[in-house]
Structures are given as structure tokens and as C-alpha cells.
Protein backbone atom coordinates (compact mmCIF):
# COMPACT_ATOMS: atom_id res chain seq x y z
CA MET A 1 -26.31 7.88 14.81
CA ARG A 2 -24.57 10.49 16.77
CA ARG A 3 -24.64 13.97 15.28
CA GLY A 4 -21.22 15.05 16.90
CA LEU A 5 -19.43 11.98 15.67
CA LEU A 6 -20.93 12.39 12.15
CA LYS A 7 -19.85 16.05 11.99
CA SER A 8 -16.28 15.08 13.10
CA PHE A 9 -16.10 12.28 10.47
CA ILE A 10 -17.31 14.60 7.72
CA ARG A 11 -14.84 17.28 8.77
CA SER A 12 -11.92 15.02 8.75
CA ASN A 13 -12.86 13.18 5.44
CA TYR A 14 -14.56 15.65 3.12
CA LYS A 15 -11.46 16.63 1.11
CA SER A 16 -10.55 13.21 0.05
CA THR A 17 -14.19 12.31 -0.74
CA ILE A 18 -14.54 15.41 -2.91
CA ILE A 19 -11.31 14.52 -4.66
CA ALA A 20 -12.36 10.95 -5.22
CA LEU A 21 -15.93 11.62 -6.42
CA PRO A 22 -15.13 12.93 -9.84
CA PHE A 23 -13.13 9.92 -10.67
CA ILE A 24 -15.78 7.66 -9.49
CA LEU A 25 -18.39 9.38 -11.42
CA VAL A 26 -16.23 9.27 -14.62
CA LEU A 27 -15.82 5.52 -14.20
CA VAL A 28 -19.59 5.06 -13.58
CA TYR A 29 -20.20 7.09 -16.84
CA PHE A 30 -17.97 5.10 -19.04
CA ASP A 31 -18.74 1.70 -17.42
CA HIS A 32 -22.54 2.25 -17.55
CA SER A 33 -23.14 0.54 -14.31
CA SER A 34 -23.53 1.86 -10.84
CA TYR A 35 -21.69 -0.93 -8.86
CA ILE A 36 -18.51 1.21 -8.60
CA LEU A 37 -20.52 4.01 -7.01
CA PHE A 38 -22.10 1.40 -4.59
CA PHE A 39 -18.63 0.25 -3.58
CA PHE A 40 -17.48 3.83 -3.13
CA LEU A 41 -20.41 4.58 -0.82
CA LEU A 42 -19.89 1.26 0.98
CA SER A 43 -16.26 2.15 1.61
CA ILE A 44 -17.34 5.55 3.08
CA ALA A 45 -19.88 3.74 5.32
CA ARG A 46 -17.05 1.39 6.39
CA ASP A 47 -14.76 4.22 7.34
CA TYR A 48 -17.62 5.77 9.36
CA TYR A 49 -18.32 2.59 11.09
CA HIS A 50 -14.59 2.39 12.26
CA TYR A 51 -14.15 6.14 12.90
CA GLU A 52 -15.18 6.15 16.48
CA ALA A 53 -12.76 3.23 17.43
CA ARG A 54 -9.97 4.92 15.46
CA GLN A 55 -10.51 8.23 17.29
CA SER A 56 -10.54 6.48 20.67
CA TYR A 57 -7.28 4.74 19.71
CA ILE A 58 -5.78 8.06 18.75
CA ASN A 59 -6.81 9.61 22.02
CA SER A 60 -5.36 6.66 24.00
CA LEU A 61 -2.15 7.26 22.21
CA LYS A 62 -2.19 10.90 22.89
CA ALA A 63 -2.63 10.05 26.63
CA LYS A 64 0.75 8.22 26.43
CA GLY A 65 2.33 11.01 24.44
CA LEU A 66 2.36 9.13 21.18
CA THR A 67 0.86 9.53 17.72
CA PRO A 68 -0.14 7.07 15.07
CA ASP A 69 3.03 7.89 13.26
CA ASP A 70 5.02 7.03 16.15
CA ILE A 71 3.42 3.62 16.37
CA TYR A 72 4.07 3.21 12.56
CA ASN A 73 7.64 4.16 13.05
CA ILE A 74 8.02 1.65 15.98
CA ASN A 75 6.61 -1.17 13.97
CA PHE A 76 8.92 -0.21 11.06
CA VAL A 77 11.90 -0.36 13.17
CA LYS A 78 11.06 -3.74 14.67
CA GLN A 79 10.25 -5.28 11.26
CA TRP A 80 13.38 -3.70 9.48
CA ASP A 81 15.64 -4.97 12.29
CA GLU A 82 14.47 -8.51 11.51
CA ILE A 83 14.72 -8.12 7.78
CA ARG A 84 18.22 -6.54 7.84
CA LYS A 85 19.52 -9.18 9.85
CA LYS A 86 18.69 -11.75 7.11
CA GLY A 87 20.63 -9.64 4.51
CA LEU A 88 19.99 -7.74 1.38
CA TRP A 89 19.75 -10.57 -1.17
CA LEU A 90 17.33 -12.72 0.98
CA TYR A 91 15.13 -9.66 1.29
CA CYS A 92 15.17 -9.14 -2.38
CA ILE A 93 14.44 -12.74 -3.20
CA THR A 94 11.80 -13.44 -0.54
CA ASP A 95 9.97 -10.01 -0.24
CA GLY A 96 10.79 -8.92 -3.78
CA GLY A 97 10.75 -12.02 -5.92
CA VAL A 98 8.24 -14.25 -4.16
CA ILE A 99 5.67 -11.93 -2.49
CA LEU A 100 5.85 -8.75 -4.53
CA GLY A 101 6.30 -10.90 -7.66
CA ALA A 102 3.20 -12.73 -6.95
CA TYR A 103 1.20 -9.35 -6.81
CA LEU A 104 2.81 -8.12 -9.95
CA TRP A 105 2.19 -11.43 -11.66
CA LEU A 106 -1.48 -11.04 -11.14
CA GLY A 107 -1.36 -7.38 -12.18
CA ILE A 108 0.57 -8.19 -15.31
CA SER A 109 -1.68 -11.05 -16.24
CA VAL A 110 -4.90 -9.08 -15.91
CA LEU A 111 -3.37 -6.22 -17.82
CA LEU A 112 -2.23 -8.35 -20.66
CA ILE A 113 -5.52 -10.06 -20.87
CA ALA A 114 -7.56 -6.94 -20.48
CA THR A 115 -5.76 -5.02 -23.17
CA SER A 116 -6.07 -8.04 -25.48
CA ILE A 117 -2.28 -8.35 -25.91
CA VAL A 118 -2.78 -11.91 -25.02
CA LYS A 119 -6.13 -13.59 -26.17
CA PHE A 120 -7.70 -15.47 -23.31
CA GLN A 121 -9.08 -17.97 -25.80
CA ASN A 122 -5.54 -18.93 -26.81
CA LEU A 123 -4.62 -19.60 -23.21
CA VAL A 124 -7.73 -21.82 -22.66
CA ASP A 125 -7.31 -23.76 -25.91
CA GLU A 126 -4.03 -25.43 -25.00
CA PRO A 127 -2.68 -26.00 -21.47
CA GLY A 128 0.85 -25.49 -22.62
CA ASN A 129 0.05 -21.97 -23.62
CA MET A 130 -1.52 -21.28 -20.17
CA PHE A 131 1.51 -22.71 -18.20
CA ALA A 132 3.90 -20.81 -20.38
CA PHE A 133 1.88 -17.59 -19.92
CA ILE A 134 1.77 -18.10 -16.10
CA GLY A 135 5.53 -18.87 -16.05
CA TYR A 136 6.61 -15.87 -18.15
CA THR A 137 4.37 -13.42 -16.44
CA TYR A 138 5.46 -14.65 -12.89
CA LEU A 139 9.06 -14.53 -14.05
CA THR A 140 8.55 -10.92 -15.09
CA GLY A 141 6.73 -10.09 -11.86
CA ALA A 142 9.55 -11.63 -9.80
CA VAL A 143 12.32 -9.72 -11.63
CA ILE A 144 10.53 -6.49 -11.32
CA GLY A 145 9.99 -7.20 -7.56
CA ILE A 146 13.70 -7.97 -6.98
CA ILE A 147 14.67 -4.76 -8.72
CA ILE A 148 12.19 -2.73 -6.76
CA ASN A 149 13.18 -4.22 -3.37
CA ARG A 150 16.84 -3.70 -4.22
CA ILE A 151 16.03 0.09 -4.99
CA ARG A 152 14.04 0.26 -1.59
CA TRP A 153 16.88 -1.24 0.43
CA PRO A 154 19.00 1.91 0.82
CA TYR A 155 15.84 4.10 1.52
CA ASN A 156 14.67 1.74 4.33
CA GLU A 157 18.28 1.59 5.78
CA GLY A 158 18.32 5.34 5.81
CA ARG A 159 15.01 5.55 7.43
CA PHE A 160 16.08 2.88 9.96
CA VAL A 161 19.14 4.79 10.87
CA LYS A 162 17.31 8.13 11.21
CA LEU A 163 14.76 6.42 13.57
CA THR A 164 17.30 4.48 15.76
CA ASP A 165 20.44 6.67 15.79
CA PRO A 166 19.75 10.05 17.47
CA LEU A 167 23.41 11.11 16.82
CA SER A 168 23.14 10.74 13.05
CA GLU A 169 23.85 13.90 11.10
CA ASP A 170 20.22 13.93 9.68
CA PHE A 171 18.71 13.93 13.12
CA GLN A 172 21.14 16.58 14.34
CA GLN A 173 20.27 18.68 11.26
CA MET A 174 16.63 18.30 11.94
CA LEU A 175 17.04 19.52 15.61
CA LEU A 176 18.93 22.50 14.26
CA ASP A 177 16.21 23.26 11.72
CA ASP A 178 13.51 23.25 14.43
CA GLN A 179 15.36 25.85 16.44
């Protein structure tokens, strides 16, 4: 283990670790098991393992005059250009209803079962109950996903215009603010 790399890693990550540690300790206290603390420490070790590669990537970008935010913005512009060609409703249905809906379906299902709003035993007893539960929760997740992506569309369009049109009013205002 190189001492300089470790110091640099600690210097760049100590704030987030200090903020997260009380939450982790509260979870460990109430859960009465230490596996949460184990995974927290494992995530810190994983971050340290990838830290050197990340720093070399950032340094190679600096040599080209770029930052990681620039790469993030370039990737956003490429992806959003493809998405906006398909149209608003296809974006809402595919990305919102199908993809985001599936994630929300899992979250809603776990939340309903964990809070005992829906009894797991009732779902297992009869297959019809299980399929109805899956259908209703997926439908709920899909509707919420469509609404979220419909709300996100104008924000992403505005961001796309800011990044691609240097003559936009927002860009000109940013240049005036910098002076």
C-alpha cells in the first residue's frame, strides 16, 4: 500500500465517510447485526482499490483539457439526441413505464411486504393473489415512471439546449455573469 495514495484517498473522501458513519452505526444498533458495517467497510475498500485508476483517468482528461463533468455532459448530449429523436411519449413509455416502472415495482413490492400492508402468506396461499399483487404494483410503478419521465423531459431538453447551443440566452447570461 502506497502511503501517498492512501493520504490522497483519505483527503478526498473523509467528509462523506464521516457523514455516512453515524447513519451506518444507527442501522447497526437497531438491526443488531454487523453485516451493514461490513458492507460499508467493503465499499470503502472498493473505492480505494479503484482510486488510483480514477485519478489516472482524471489526469489523462486534464492533459486533453477536459474534466469528468465534460465527459458526463458529452455522453448526456449523445444519449439525449437519440432519445429526443424518438419523441416524448415513446421516451415516457419505454424509459418511464417499462424500465423505471420495473425498478419502482420492485421497490413498491418490497415496501408493501416489509411494512406488512400486504401479508406475504396471503400472496403465497393463492397464486391469483400473487399475480394480482404483481400486476397492480407493476401498473402503479409504470404509471409513476411515466409521470416522472414526463416531468423530466423539459428539464433534459433545457439542459440539452444549454450544452449544444452556445447562442442560447442562458449561455450568454452565464458568460456575462463570469465577467
